[in-house]
């Protein structure tokens, strides 16, 4: 008896299995590079699990759809369902959504391109996608602004004629290359002021408060 066949049903189809294994490795490698690139510019570790899980799920789904020849309308319907599902969490920031879209695109390409591209072309496509993402983050140095709300006690520097001294003092105390600042509130009874400083970062805008 053929151990790989029971009652006329094949337990393993080596051609499909080998294709699945190789393309799954391609997809996992590309996803890992994208997640590592994202990890270098963000500390939001909660997205790591989501990116890997969605990548694997989308890849296996589209690979199955491509192999069982499900009609296009039904396949698009499945993806429409995914499109209207929303996580019960805060709104995902634009940069995280962009990385999520790239993860899904890589998974779909690796899962559906069996009849159109060889492994060399597939490798080049994955390198191109990851390379463009790296270029946008590192070479072009796309900057975003972050803000920090601080409690400042040296209120004599708040005089209109001491704007330069105030800016230099803020930069010296925070160690941040401040672009601009805004005095939010002055408390003369406590001799403190609330100042929002704005500076360039390669990440998302957050609102924090600290005391100098």
Foldseek 3Di string as FASTA:
>chain_A
DPPQADPRDGVDDPVLVVLVVVLVVVLQVLLVLLVVLVVVADVPVVCNVVLNVLLVVLLVVLLVCQVVVDDPVVVVVVVVVVVPDDDPDPDDDPVSVVSSVLSNVLSNCSRNCPPPDDPVVNNVVSCVSSVVVNCVVPVVVDKDKAKEKEKAQQCVCVDPVNPVVVQVVVCVVVVAPFPDKDWDAADPVRRITIMMTMHIGRHDYDYYYYYD
